[in-house]
């Protein structure tokens, strides 16, 4: 590996990444449009991919429904760190006379798609760059899983005109994903399709993961508009109890209907701005990401935390509280009909 390639990898690690690698135009050849570096800059030759870890100490209280806000703040902060690393590295390369472009860690979508930004097609896929450059593997869910931190990372990258040395993908036999399915089981929306896999070829190497269904499935729950699992026995951090449709085509209407009620809930602390909506987003789920760790016994323990933590209700002062399913039904029954309908459709 040449000196500049070693330098940019060390740069990312020194700034806070836990792992970094390099993908090139050649190593990404044959991939989907979101693996095309020239979309970012026509003269691109390489990209530096990296992952920044989420604070492990804040995950367990979140999954147990004991504490929500600290993890949300850390995830927002970690996204800012990943974007900051990208900006700092691009500036470092620019000052060395190497034209480079920083790519935000999240919420950057192509506007020219049929539904504009709402098609959620990224300018460049951090996931594709990460798996091709050896930052991580694809897990069954399609999340990138790193050898030490699991899926609890935020990805970032810099696209540059430098002709860097590509790093190899991680060996397939080292992928800790054993298809346990706890990522899927911890998702109340059924976002990941159990029956079908998709594959992508990058530089002649094939990668596969379970097919993702309509992204409104994820947004409906991760956006906090509803949260109750169809079993009624556990929930996300959302107090919403609206129906989760069977068919993908029904999710847009369900989301729009739920938002009308959600907008009338008492305000809660925290949140972050999202260009796709005129209000703050609050972190309510991310179960598939947070449950997935290299140790299978820990994965089981985290899944049990999610499913045994009860269901979340919202108190009149806006605070969120996890209670038993039975207690939740009792509290809802004591609400006025108008108040009840803010959280549960008839």
Foldseek 3Di string as FASTA:
>chain_A
DDPVQVVLQVLLVVLAFPGKFKDFCLQQPQWPQQAHLCLVPVLFGMKMKTKHFQDLVPLLCQLLVNDFFVSQVSVVVQQVSQQVSQVVSQVVCVVVVWHKAWDRLDQAAAQPDPVGCVVVHHSHDSLSRCQAQAQAAQAQQRAGQGQARGRRIGMTMMTTNDNHDGHGGDDPVSHLRPVPCLLQVQQLQNQFDPPDKDWTAGSNDIGMHTDGDQCLSVCLQQQQLAFARPVLFFTWQHLADEDRDPDPVCSVVSSVVSVVLVVPADDDDDFDDHPVDPDGGGGTGCPSSSLGGSDVVSSVVSSCSRRNSAYWHADPNGDIDHDGSVVSVVVLVPDDPVNSCSRYPD
